[in-house]
Amino acid sequence: MTDLSYTAFFGDGEHTFKLTKPMVEELEKKCGPIGALCNRVFARNFAQADISETIRLALIGADTAPKRAAELIAAYVDGRQLVEMYELAAKILEKTLFGNPSKGNDK
């Protein structure tokens, strides 16, 4: 089975991010279809919510409490240049869509 989690330094330390099925569904409610969202982000034609909601919901999907995820977004995403968080959101979406393509077929 493919592990779709992504770990990176964010804000105050290392955090794990994972867009589980329920989190993808929530992301789609907030930002539209996941395919369209990915197209916008990968083409650098994104909205602020595309970035912040991707990161917030991926934190929750990786078992960060919703309140803590909101606090992290408020402290380290809101009010900052979007380009600072763009790479993180793009990596989360890339992992969600493609898994680990460099590792070949997961069995």
PDB file of N, CA and C in Angstrom:
ATOM      1  N   MET A   1       0.837  -1.187   0.000  1.00  0.00           N
ATOM      2  CA  MET A   1       0.000   0.000   0.000  1.00  0.00           C
ATOM      3  C   MET A   1       0.880   1.248   0.000  1.00  0.00           C
ATOM      4  N   THR A   2       0.497   2.241  -0.749  1.00  0.00           N
ATOM      5  CA  THR A   2       1.252   3.474  -0.874  1.00  0.00           C
ATOM      6  C   THR A   2       0.989   4.384   0.325  1.00  0.00           C
ATOM      7  N   ASP A   3       2.050   4.925   0.901  1.00  0.00           N
ATOM      8  CA  ASP A   3       1.905   5.906   1.975  1.00  0.00           C
ATOM      9  C   ASP A   3       1.833   7.278   1.329  1.00  0.00           C
ATOM     10  N   LEU A   4       0.718   7.945   1.498  1.00  0.00           N
ATOM     11  CA  LEU A   4       0.516   9.242   0.873  1.00  0.00           C
ATOM     12  C   LEU A   4       0.842  10.401   1.803  1.00  0.00           C
ATOM     13  N   SER A   5       1.512  10.120   2.911  1.00  0.00           N
ATOM     14  CA  SER A   5       1.871  11.201   3.828  1.00  0.00           C
ATOM     15  C   SER A   5       3.153  11.875   3.363  1.00  0.00           C
ATOM     16  N   TYR A   6       3.309  13.113   3.799  1.00  0.00           N
ATOM     17  CA  TYR A   6       4.481  13.921   3.457  1.00  0.00           C
ATOM     18  C   TYR A   6       4.915  14.619   4.736  1.00  0.00           C
ATOM     19  N   THR A   7       6.184  14.546   5.058  1.00  0.00           N
ATOM     20  CA  THR A   7       6.714  15.184   6.260  1.00  0.00           C
ATOM     21  C   THR A   7       7.675  16.300   5.853  1.00  0.00           C
ATOM     22  N   ALA A   8       7.510  17.457   6.495  1.00  0.00           N
ATOM     23  CA  ALA A   8       8.353  18.608   6.181  1.00  0.00           C
ATOM     24  C   ALA A   8       8.378  19.552   7.379  1.00  0.00           C
ATOM     25  N   PHE A   9       9.391  20.410   7.405  1.00  0.00           N
ATOM     26  CA  PHE A   9       9.446  21.462   8.418  1.00  0.00           C
ATOM     27  C   PHE A   9       8.389  22.493   8.065  1.00  0.00           C
ATOM     28  N   PHE A  10       7.570  22.837   9.045  1.00  0.00           N
ATOM     29  CA  PHE A  10       6.522  23.838   8.856  1.00  0.00           C
ATOM     30  C   PHE A  10       6.355  24.599  10.156  1.00  0.00           C
ATOM     31  N   GLY A  11       6.594  25.888  10.116  1.00  0.00           N
ATOM     32  CA  GLY A  11       6.367  26.738  11.273  1.00  0.00           C
ATOM     33  C   GLY A  11       7.298  26.473  12.428  1.00  0.00           C
ATOM     34  N   ASP A  12       6.876  25.594  13.328  1.00  0.00           N
ATOM     35  CA  ASP A  12       7.620  25.375  14.562  1.00  0.00           C
ATOM     36  C   ASP A  12       8.346  24.039  14.618  1.00  0.00           C
ATOM     37  N   GLY A  13       8.327  23.266  13.537  1.00  0.00           N
ATOM     38  CA  GLY A  13       9.012  21.978  13.561  1.00  0.00           C
ATOM     39  C   GLY A  13       8.539  21.070  12.444  1.00  0.00           C
ATOM     40  N   GLU A  14       8.960  19.817  12.520  1.00  0.00           N
ATOM     41  CA  GLU A  14       8.558  18.824  11.533  1.00  0.00           C
ATOM     42  C   GLU A  14       7.092  18.457  11.750  1.00  0.00           C
ATOM     43  N   HIS A  15       6.356  18.427  10.662  1.00  0.00           N
ATOM     44  CA  HIS A  15       4.949  18.033  10.708  1.00  0.00           C
ATOM     45  C   HIS A  15       4.683  17.060   9.573  1.00  0.00           C
ATOM     46  N   THR A  16       3.715  16.182   9.788  1.00  0.00           N
ATOM     47  CA  THR A  16       3.290  15.264   8.749  1.00  0.00           C
ATOM     48  C   THR A  16       1.979  15.772   8.174  1.00  0.00           C
ATOM     49  N   PHE A  17       1.844  15.630   6.865  1.00  0.00           N
ATOM     50  CA  PHE A  17       0.685  16.093   6.118  1.00  0.00           C
ATOM     51  C   PHE A  17       0.135  14.918   5.323  1.00  0.00           C
ATOM     52  N   LYS A  18      -1.197  14.765   5.324  1.00  0.00           N
ATOM     53  CA  LYS A  18      -1.811  13.688   4.552  1.00  0.00           C
ATOM     54  C   LYS A  18      -3.255  14.053   4.217  1.00  0.00           C
ATOM     55  N   LEU A  19      -3.560  14.055   2.943  1.00  0.00           N
ATOM     56  CA  LEU A  19      -4.933  14.304   2.525  1.00  0.00           C
ATOM     57  C   LEU A  19      -5.654  12.967   2.404  1.00  0.00           C
ATOM     58  N   THR A  20      -6.346  12.606   3.461  1.00  0.00           N
ATOM     59  CA  THR A  20      -7.143  11.388   3.472  1.00  0.00           C
ATOM     60  C   THR A  20      -8.417  11.625   2.647  1.00  0.00           C
ATOM     61  N   LYS A  21      -9.150  10.576   2.364  1.00  0.00           N
ATOM     62  CA  LYS A  21     -10.389  10.713   1.584  1.00  0.00           C
ATOM     63  C   LYS A  21     -11.353  11.734   2.197  1.00  0.00           C
ATOM     64  N   PRO A  22     -11.623  11.682   3.514  1.00  0.00           N
ATOM     65  CA  PRO A  22     -12.512  12.706   4.086  1.00  0.00           C
ATOM     66  C   PRO A  22     -11.936  14.124   3.969  1.00  0.00           C
ATOM     67  N   MET A  23     -10.621  14.264   4.046  1.00  0.00           N
ATOM     68  CA  MET A  23     -10.024  15.591   3.929  1.00  0.00           C
ATOM     69  C   MET A  23     -10.063  16.089   2.482  1.00  0.00           C
ATOM     70  N   VAL A  24      -9.911  15.187   1.515  1.00  0.00           N
ATOM     71  CA  VAL A  24     -10.055  15.565   0.103  1.00  0.00           C
ATOM     72  C   VAL A  24     -11.485  16.034  -0.143  1.00  0.00           C
ATOM     73  N   GLU A  25     -12.460  15.321   0.416  1.00  0.00           N
ATOM     74  CA  GLU A  25     -13.861  15.719   0.254  1.00  0.00           C
ATOM     75  C   GLU A  25     -14.111  17.107   0.852  1.00  0.00           C
ATOM     76  N   GLU A  26     -13.534  17.374   2.008  1.00  0.00           N
ATOM     77  CA  GLU A  26     -13.677  18.695   2.638  1.00  0.00           C
ATOM     78  C   GLU A  26     -12.975  19.762   1.796  1.00  0.00           C
ATOM     79  N   LEU A  27     -11.797  19.439   1.285  1.00  0.00           N
ATOM     80  CA  LEU A  27     -11.056  20.370   0.431  1.00  0.00           C
ATOM     81  C   LEU A  27     -11.863  20.710  -0.820  1.00  0.00           C
ATOM     82  N   GLU A  28     -12.529  19.714  -1.386  1.00  0.00           N
ATOM     83  CA  GLU A  28     -13.353  19.956  -2.574  1.00  0.00           C
ATOM     84  C   GLU A  28     -14.542  20.855  -2.258  1.00  0.00           C
ATOM     85  N   LYS A  29     -15.109  20.735  -1.059  1.00  0.00           N
ATOM     86  CA  LYS A  29     -16.207  21.620  -0.665  1.00  0.00           C
ATOM     87  C   LYS A  29     -15.737  23.072  -0.603  1.00  0.00           C
ATOM     88  N   LYS A  30     -14.496  23.268  -0.167  1.00  0.00           N
ATOM     89  CA  LYS A  30     -13.972  24.616   0.020  1.00  0.00           C
ATOM     90  C   LYS A  30     -13.337  25.198  -1.238  1.00  0.00           C
ATOM     91  N   CYS A  31     -12.735  24.328  -2.080  1.00  0.00           N
ATOM     92  CA  CYS A  31     -11.926  24.831  -3.193  1.00  0.00           C
ATOM     93  C   CYS A  31     -12.301  24.267  -4.561  1.00  0.00           C
ATOM     94  N   GLY A  32     -13.319  23.422  -4.631  1.00  0.00           N
ATOM     95  CA  GLY A  32     -13.703  22.844  -5.910  1.00  0.00           C
ATOM     96  C   GLY A  32     -13.031  21.495  -6.136  1.00  0.00           C
ATOM     97  N   PRO A  33     -13.298  20.871  -7.281  1.00  0.00           N
ATOM     98  CA  PRO A  33     -12.769  19.529  -7.551  1.00  0.00           C
ATOM     99  C   PRO A  33     -11.256  19.445  -7.390  1.00  0.00           C
ATOM    100  N   ILE A  34     -10.808  18.326  -6.836  1.00  0.00           N
ATOM    101  CA  ILE A  34      -9.378  18.160  -6.552  1.00  0.00           C
ATOM    102  C   ILE A  34      -8.534  18.286  -7.818  1.00  0.00           C
ATOM    103  N   GLY A  35      -9.037  17.791  -8.939  1.00  0.00           N
ATOM    104  CA  GLY A  35      -8.293  17.909 -10.198  1.00  0.00           C
ATOM    105  C   GLY A  35      -8.113  19.357 -10.617  1.00  0.00           C
ATOM    106  N   ALA A  36      -9.174  20.144 -10.500  1.00  0.00           N
ATOM    107  CA  ALA A  36      -9.091  21.563 -10.844  1.00  0.00           C
ATOM    108  C   ALA A  36      -8.166  22.300  -9.884  1.00  0.00           C
ATOM    109  N   LEU A  37      -8.258  21.957  -8.602  1.00  0.00           N
ATOM    110  CA  LEU A  37      -7.380  22.558  -7.600  1.00  0.00           C
ATOM    111  C   LEU A  37      -5.916  22.270  -7.941  1.00  0.00           C
ATOM    112  N   CYS A  38      -5.617  21.008  -8.228  1.00  0.00           N
ATOM    113  CA  CYS A  38      -4.240  20.642  -8.577  1.00  0.00           C
ATOM    114  C   CYS A  38      -3.778  21.368  -9.828  1.00  0.00           C
ATOM    115  N   ASN A  39      -4.647  21.458 -10.830  1.00  0.00           N
ATOM    116  CA  ASN A  39      -4.283  22.195 -12.048  1.00  0.00           C
ATOM    117  C   ASN A  39      -3.936  23.641 -11.725  1.00  0.00           C
ATOM    118  N   ARG A  40      -4.739  24.277 -10.877  1.00  0.00           N
ATOM    119  CA  ARG A  40      -4.461  25.671 -10.507  1.00  0.00           C
ATOM    120  C   ARG A  40      -3.136  25.792  -9.775  1.00  0.00           C
ATOM    121  N   VAL A  41      -2.926  24.925  -8.801  1.00  0.00           N
ATOM    122  CA  VAL A  41      -1.705  25.014  -7.997  1.00  0.00           C
ATOM    123  C   VAL A  41      -0.472  24.709  -8.853  1.00  0.00           C
ATOM    124  N   PHE A  42      -0.512  23.631  -9.618  1.00  0.00           N
ATOM    125  CA  PHE A  42       0.655  23.256 -10.423  1.00  0.00           C
ATOM    126  C   PHE A  42       0.958  24.288 -11.504  1.00  0.00           C
ATOM    127  N   ALA A  43      -0.080  25.019 -11.973  1.00  0.00           N
ATOM    128  CA  ALA A  43       0.114  26.059 -12.984  1.00  0.00           C
ATOM    129  C   ALA A  43       0.391  27.427 -12.342  1.00  0.00           C
ATOM    130  N   ARG A  44       0.471  27.455 -11.010  1.00  0.00           N
ATOM    131  CA  ARG A  44       0.688  28.698 -10.247  1.00  0.00           C
ATOM    132  C   ARG A  44      -0.406  29.730 -10.515  1.00  0.00           C
ATOM    133  N   ASN A  45      -1.626  29.237 -10.644  1.00  0.00           N
ATOM    134  CA  ASN A  45      -2.795  30.073 -10.881  1.00  0.00           C
ATOM    135  C   ASN A  45      -3.802  29.842  -9.758  1.00  0.00           C
ATOM    136  N   PHE A  46      -3.316  29.838  -8.518  1.00  0.00           N
ATOM    137  CA  PHE A  46      -4.086  29.423  -7.354  1.00  0.00           C
ATOM    138  C   PHE A  46      -4.669  30.600  -6.592  1.00  0.00           C
ATOM    139  N   ALA A  47      -5.650  30.291  -5.757  1.00  0.00           N
ATOM    140  CA  ALA A  47      -6.210  31.254  -4.808  1.00  0.00           C
ATOM    141  C   ALA A  47      -5.570  31.013  -3.440  1.00  0.00           C
ATOM    142  N   GLN A  48      -5.671  31.996  -2.575  1.00  0.00           N
ATOM    143  CA  GLN A  48      -5.106  31.852  -1.227  1.00  0.00           C
ATOM    144  C   GLN A  48      -5.692  30.644  -0.517  1.00  0.00           C
ATOM    145  N   ALA A  49      -7.002  30.444  -0.640  1.00  0.00           N
ATOM    146  CA  ALA A  49      -7.652  29.308   0.022  1.00  0.00           C
ATOM    147  C   ALA A  49      -7.111  27.978  -0.479  1.00  0.00           C
ATOM    148  N   ASP A  50      -6.718  27.907  -1.753  1.00  0.00           N
ATOM    149  CA  ASP A  50      -6.144  26.667  -2.280  1.00  0.00           C
ATOM    150  C   ASP A  50      -4.925  26.249  -1.467  1.00  0.00           C
ATOM    151  N   ILE A  51      -4.111  27.216  -1.111  1.00  0.00           N
ATOM    152  CA  ILE A  51      -2.876  26.936  -0.372  1.00  0.00           C
ATOM    153  C   ILE A  51      -3.174  26.665   1.099  1.00  0.00           C
ATOM    154  N   SER A  52      -3.866  27.585   1.765  1.00  0.00           N
ATOM    155  CA  SER A  52      -4.080  27.446   3.209  1.00  0.00           C
ATOM    156  C   SER A  52      -4.967  26.247   3.549  1.00  0.00           C
ATOM    157  N   GLU A  53      -6.010  25.994   2.771  1.00  0.00           N
ATOM    158  CA  GLU A  53      -6.888  24.855   3.057  1.00  0.00           C
ATOM    159  C   GLU A  53      -6.192  23.526   2.777  1.00  0.00           C
ATOM    160  N   THR A  54      -5.380  23.470   1.742  1.00  0.00           N
ATOM    161  CA  THR A  54      -4.617  22.242   1.473  1.00  0.00           C
ATOM    162  C   THR A  54      -3.733  21.905   2.665  1.00  0.00           C
ATOM    163  N   ILE A  55      -3.006  22.885   3.169  1.00  0.00           N
ATOM    164  CA  ILE A  55      -2.093  22.655   4.297  1.00  0.00           C
ATOM    165  C   ILE A  55      -2.878  22.312   5.559  1.00  0.00           C
ATOM    166  N   ARG A  56      -3.919  23.073   5.855  1.00  0.00           N
ATOM    167  CA  ARG A  56      -4.713  22.845   7.079  1.00  0.00           C
ATOM    168  C   ARG A  56      -5.339  21.453   7.084  1.00  0.00           C
ATOM    169  N   LEU A  57      -5.986  21.098   5.999  1.00  0.00           N
ATOM    170  CA  LEU A  57      -6.665  19.808   5.956  1.00  0.00           C
ATOM    171  C   LEU A  57      -5.680  18.639   5.909  1.00  0.00           C
ATOM    172  N   ALA A  58      -4.514  18.845   5.317  1.00  0.00           N
ATOM    173  CA  ALA A  58      -3.488  17.796   5.318  1.00  0.00           C
ATOM    174  C   ALA A  58      -2.899  17.597   6.718  1.00  0.00           C
ATOM    175  N   LEU A  59      -2.798  18.658   7.500  1.00  0.00           N
ATOM    176  CA  LEU A  59      -2.385  18.510   8.899  1.00  0.00           C
ATOM    177  C   LEU A  59      -3.410  17.671   9.656  1.00  0.00           C
ATOM    178  N   ILE A  60      -4.688  17.990   9.479  1.00  0.00           N
ATOM    179  CA  ILE A  60      -5.751  17.252  10.158  1.00  0.00           C
ATOM    180  C   ILE A  60      -5.760  15.796   9.699  1.00  0.00           C
ATOM    181  N   GLY A  61      -5.576  15.561   8.407  1.00  0.00           N
ATOM    182  CA  GLY A  61      -5.547  14.208   7.872  1.00  0.00           C
ATOM    183  C   GLY A  61      -4.414  13.365   8.430  1.00  0.00           C
ATOM    184  N   ALA A  62      -3.368  14.041   8.896  1.00  0.00           N
ATOM    185  CA  ALA A  62      -2.222  13.345   9.504  1.00  0.00           C
ATOM    186  C   ALA A  62      -2.306  13.370  11.025  1.00  0.00           C
ATOM    187  N   ASP A  63      -3.501  13.557  11.550  1.00  0.00           N
ATOM    188  CA  ASP A  63      -3.805  13.457  12.979  1.00  0.00           C
ATOM    189  C   ASP A  63      -3.410  14.656  13.832  1.00  0.00           C
ATOM    190  N   THR A  64      -3.246  15.832  13.226  1.00  0.00           N
ATOM    191  CA  THR A  64      -3.122  17.051  14.017  1.00  0.00           C
ATOM    192  C   THR A  64      -4.547  17.467  14.397  1.00  0.00           C
ATOM    193  N   ALA A  65      -4.749  17.845  15.641  1.00  0.00           N
ATOM    194  CA  ALA A  65      -6.080  18.285  16.080  1.00  0.00           C
ATOM    195  C   ALA A  65      -6.519  19.486  15.241  1.00  0.00           C
ATOM    196  N   PRO A  66      -7.794  19.562  14.871  1.00  0.00           N
ATOM    197  CA  PRO A  66      -8.272  20.680  14.046  1.00  0.00           C
ATOM    198  C   PRO A  66      -7.942  22.052  14.630  1.00  0.00           C
ATOM    199  N   LYS A  67      -8.077  22.203  15.943  1.00  0.00           N
ATOM    200  CA  LYS A  67      -7.755  23.493  16.569  1.00  0.00           C
ATOM    201  C   LYS A  67      -6.276  23.825  16.396  1.00  0.00           C
ATOM    202  N   ARG A  68      -5.416  22.838  16.601  1.00  0.00           N
ATOM    203  CA  ARG A  68      -3.973  23.057  16.439  1.00  0.00           C
ATOM    204  C   ARG A  68      -3.641  23.377  14.987  1.00  0.00           C
ATOM    205  N   ALA A  69      -4.282  22.687  14.044  1.00  0.00           N
ATOM    206  CA  ALA A  69      -4.053  22.967  12.625  1.00  0.00           C
ATOM    207  C   ALA A  69      -4.434  24.411  12.302  1.00  0.00           C
ATOM    208  N   ALA A  70      -5.575  24.871  12.834  1.00  0.00           N
ATOM    209  CA  ALA A  70      -6.000  26.252  12.610  1.00  0.00           C
ATOM    210  C   ALA A  70      -5.007  27.238  13.221  1.00  0.00           C
ATOM    211  N   GLU A  71      -4.486  26.916  14.394  1.00  0.00           N
ATOM    212  CA  GLU A  71      -3.476  27.776  15.035  1.00  0.00           C
ATOM    213  C   GLU A  71      -2.209  27.861  14.185  1.00  0.00           C
ATOM    214  N   LEU A  72      -1.767  26.730  13.646  1.00  0.00           N
ATOM    215  CA  LEU A  72      -0.575  26.716  12.793  1.00  0.00           C
ATOM    216  C   LEU A  72      -0.786  27.547  11.534  1.00  0.00           C
ATOM    217  N   ILE A  73      -1.970  27.444  10.938  1.00  0.00           N
ATOM    218  CA  ILE A  73      -2.271  28.240   9.745  1.00  0.00           C
ATOM    219  C   ILE A  73      -2.268  29.727  10.093  1.00  0.00           C
ATOM    220  N   ALA A  74      -2.901  30.080  11.211  1.00  0.00           N
ATOM    221  CA  ALA A  74      -2.942  31.485  11.634  1.00  0.00           C
ATOM    222  C   ALA A  74      -1.540  32.028  11.891  1.00  0.00           C
ATOM    223  N   ALA A  75      -0.680  31.216  12.488  1.00  0.00           N
ATOM    224  CA  ALA A  75       0.658  31.680  12.845  1.00  0.00           C
ATOM    225  C   ALA A  75       1.631  31.687  11.670  1.00  0.00           C
ATOM    226  N   TYR A  76       1.527  30.701  10.775  1.00  0.00           N
ATOM    227  CA  TYR A  76       2.579  30.514   9.781  1.00  0.00           C
ATOM    228  C   TYR A  76       2.152  30.627   8.327  1.00  0.00           C
ATOM    229  N   VAL A  77       0.846  30.819   8.062  1.00  0.00           N
ATOM    230  CA  VAL A  77       0.388  30.967   6.678  1.00  0.00           C
ATOM    231  C   VAL A  77      -0.299  32.310   6.483  1.00  0.00           C
ATOM    232  N   ASP A  78      -1.312  32.598   7.309  1.00  0.00           N
ATOM    233  CA  ASP A  78      -2.069  33.844   7.157  1.00  0.00           C
ATOM    234  C   ASP A  78      -1.161  35.056   7.303  1.00  0.00           C
ATOM    235  N   GLY A  79      -1.273  35.981   6.365  1.00  0.00           N
ATOM    236  CA  GLY A  79      -0.505  37.212   6.439  1.00  0.00           C
ATOM    237  C   GLY A  79       0.912  37.108   5.902  1.00  0.00           C
ATOM    238  N   ARG A  80       1.327  35.938   5.457  1.00  0.00           N
ATOM    239  CA  ARG A  80       2.660  35.775   4.871  1.00  0.00           C
ATOM    240  C   ARG A  80       2.529  35.737   3.354  1.00  0.00           C
ATOM    241  N   GLN A  81       3.644  35.912   2.684  1.00  0.00           N
ATOM    242  CA  GLN A  81       3.630  35.797   1.228  1.00  0.00           C
ATOM    243  C   GLN A  81       3.243  34.373   0.846  1.00  0.00           C
ATOM    244  N   LEU A  82       2.322  34.249  -0.082  1.00  0.00           N
ATOM    245  CA  LEU A  82       1.840  32.933  -0.480  1.00  0.00           C
ATOM    246  C   LEU A  82       2.941  32.049  -1.053  1.00  0.00           C
ATOM    247  N   VAL A  83       3.909  32.658  -1.693  1.00  0.00           N
ATOM    248  CA  VAL A  83       4.973  31.858  -2.307  1.00  0.00           C
ATOM    249  C   VAL A  83       5.738  31.046  -1.256  1.00  0.00           C
ATOM    250  N   GLU A  84       5.764  31.535  -0.015  1.00  0.00           N
ATOM    251  CA  GLU A  84       6.445  30.807   1.058  1.00  0.00           C
ATOM    252  C   GLU A  84       5.780  29.461   1.327  1.00  0.00           C
ATOM    253  N   MET A  85       4.468  29.393   1.176  1.00  0.00           N
ATOM    254  CA  MET A  85       3.723  28.171   1.467  1.00  0.00           C
ATOM    255  C   MET A  85       3.331  27.399   0.209  1.00  0.00           C
ATOM    256  N   TYR A  86       3.548  28.014  -0.956  1.00  0.00           N
ATOM    257  CA  TYR A  86       3.183  27.375  -2.220  1.00  0.00           C
ATOM    258  C   TYR A  86       3.860  26.016  -2.381  1.00  0.00           C
ATOM    259  N   GLU A  87       5.151  25.950  -2.148  1.00  0.00           N
ATOM    260  CA  GLU A  87       5.891  24.710  -2.360  1.00  0.00           C
ATOM    261  C   GLU A  87       5.357  23.588  -1.467  1.00  0.00           C
ATOM    262  N   LEU A  88       5.042  23.895  -0.227  1.00  0.00           N
ATOM    263  CA  LEU A  88       4.507  22.887   0.683  1.00  0.00           C
ATOM    264  C   LEU A  88       3.163  22.356   0.173  1.00  0.00           C
ATOM    265  N   ALA A  89       2.262  23.255  -0.199  1.00  0.00           N
ATOM    266  CA  ALA A  89       0.956  22.829  -0.707  1.00  0.00           C
ATOM    267  C   ALA A  89       1.110  22.003  -1.982  1.00  0.00           C
ATOM    268  N   ALA A  90       2.001  22.416  -2.865  1.00  0.00           N
ATOM    269  CA  ALA A  90       2.224  21.677  -4.108  1.00  0.00           C
ATOM    270  C   ALA A  90       2.754  20.273  -3.823  1.00  0.00           C
ATOM    271  N   LYS A  91       3.658  20.137  -2.864  1.00  0.00           N
ATOM    272  CA  LYS A  91       4.208  18.820  -2.508  1.00  0.00           C
ATOM    273  C   LYS A  91       3.122  17.921  -1.911  1.00  0.00           C
ATOM    274  N   ILE A  92       2.265  18.486  -1.081  1.00  0.00           N
ATOM    275  CA  ILE A  92       1.170  17.707  -0.485  1.00  0.00           C
ATOM    276  C   ILE A  92       0.251  17.186  -1.593  1.00  0.00           C
ATOM    277  N   LEU A  93      -0.119  18.062  -2.517  1.00  0.00           N
ATOM    278  CA  LEU A  93      -1.009  17.658  -3.606  1.00  0.00           C
ATOM    279  C   LEU A  93      -0.335  16.658  -4.539  1.00  0.00           C
ATOM    280  N   GLU A  94       0.950  16.860  -4.798  1.00  0.00           N
ATOM    281  CA  GLU A  94       1.703  15.926  -5.638  1.00  0.00           C
ATOM    282  C   GLU A  94       1.717  14.529  -5.017  1.00  0.00           C
ATOM    283  N   LYS A  95       1.971  14.466  -3.715  1.00  0.00           N
ATOM    284  CA  LYS A  95       1.991  13.186  -3.006  1.00  0.00           C
ATOM    285  C   LYS A  95       0.606  12.537  -3.028  1.00  0.00           C
ATOM    286  N   THR A  96      -0.441  13.344  -2.869  1.00  0.00           N
ATOM    287  CA  THR A  96      -1.807  12.830  -2.879  1.00  0.00           C
ATOM    288  C   THR A  96      -2.161  12.241  -4.239  1.00  0.00           C
ATOM    289  N   LEU A  97      -1.778  12.923  -5.303  1.00  0.00           N
ATOM    290  CA  LEU A  97      -2.122  12.467  -6.647  1.00  0.00           C
ATOM    291  C   LEU A  97      -1.243  11.324  -7.136  1.00  0.00           C
ATOM    292  N   PHE A  98       0.058  11.427  -6.896  1.00  0.00           N
ATOM    293  CA  PHE A  98       0.995  10.515  -7.535  1.00  0.00           C
ATOM    294  C   PHE A  98       1.656   9.515  -6.602  1.00  0.00           C
ATOM    295  N   GLY A  99       1.491   9.672  -5.299  1.00  0.00           N
ATOM    296  CA  GLY A  99       2.135   8.755  -4.358  1.00  0.00           C
ATOM    297  C   GLY A  99       3.639   8.872  -4.440  1.00  0.00           C
ATOM    298  N   ASN A 100       4.310   7.748  -4.663  1.00  0.00           N
ATOM    299  CA  ASN A 100       5.766   7.693  -4.762  1.00  0.00           C
ATOM    300  C   ASN A 100       6.170   7.197  -6.149  1.00  0.00           C
ATOM    301  N   PRO A 101       5.987   8.005  -7.184  1.00  0.00           N
ATOM    302  CA  PRO A 101       6.245   7.500  -8.530  1.00  0.00           C
ATOM    303  C   PRO A 101       7.676   7.062  -8.774  1.00  0.00           C
ATOM    304  N   SER A 102       8.617   7.645  -8.073  1.00  0.00           N
ATOM    305  CA  SER A 102      10.019   7.274  -8.292  1.00  0.00           C
ATOM    306  C   SER A 102      10.357   5.889  -7.737  1.00  0.00           C
ATOM    307  N   LYS A 103       9.473   5.342  -6.896  1.00  0.00           N
ATOM    308  CA  LYS A 103       9.712   4.021  -6.308  1.00  0.00           C
ATOM    309  C   LYS A 103       9.105   2.906  -7.152  1.00  0.00           C
ATOM    310  N   GLY A 104       8.514   3.258  -8.296  1.00  0.00           N
ATOM    311  CA  GLY A 104       7.922   2.237  -9.143  1.00  0.00           C
ATOM    312  C   GLY A 104       6.566   1.813  -8.625  1.00  0.00           C
ATOM    313  N   ASN A 105       6.125   0.666  -9.045  1.00  0.00           N
ATOM    314  CA  ASN A 105       4.812   0.160  -8.635  1.00  0.00           C
ATOM    315  C   ASN A 105       4.858  -0.365  -7.214  1.00  0.00           C
ATOM    316  N   ASP A 106       3.984   0.150  -6.379  1.00  0.00           N
ATOM    317  CA  ASP A 106       3.867  -0.351  -5.008  1.00  0.00           C
ATOM    318  C   ASP A 106       3.005  -1.597  -5.033  1.00  0.00           C
ATOM    319  N   LYS A 107       3.428  -2.603  -4.314  1.00  0.00           N
ATOM    320  CA  LYS A 107       2.670  -3.859  -4.281  1.00  0.00           C
ATOM    321  C   LYS A 107       2.300  -4.226  -2.870  1.00  0.00           C
TER     322      LYS A 107
END
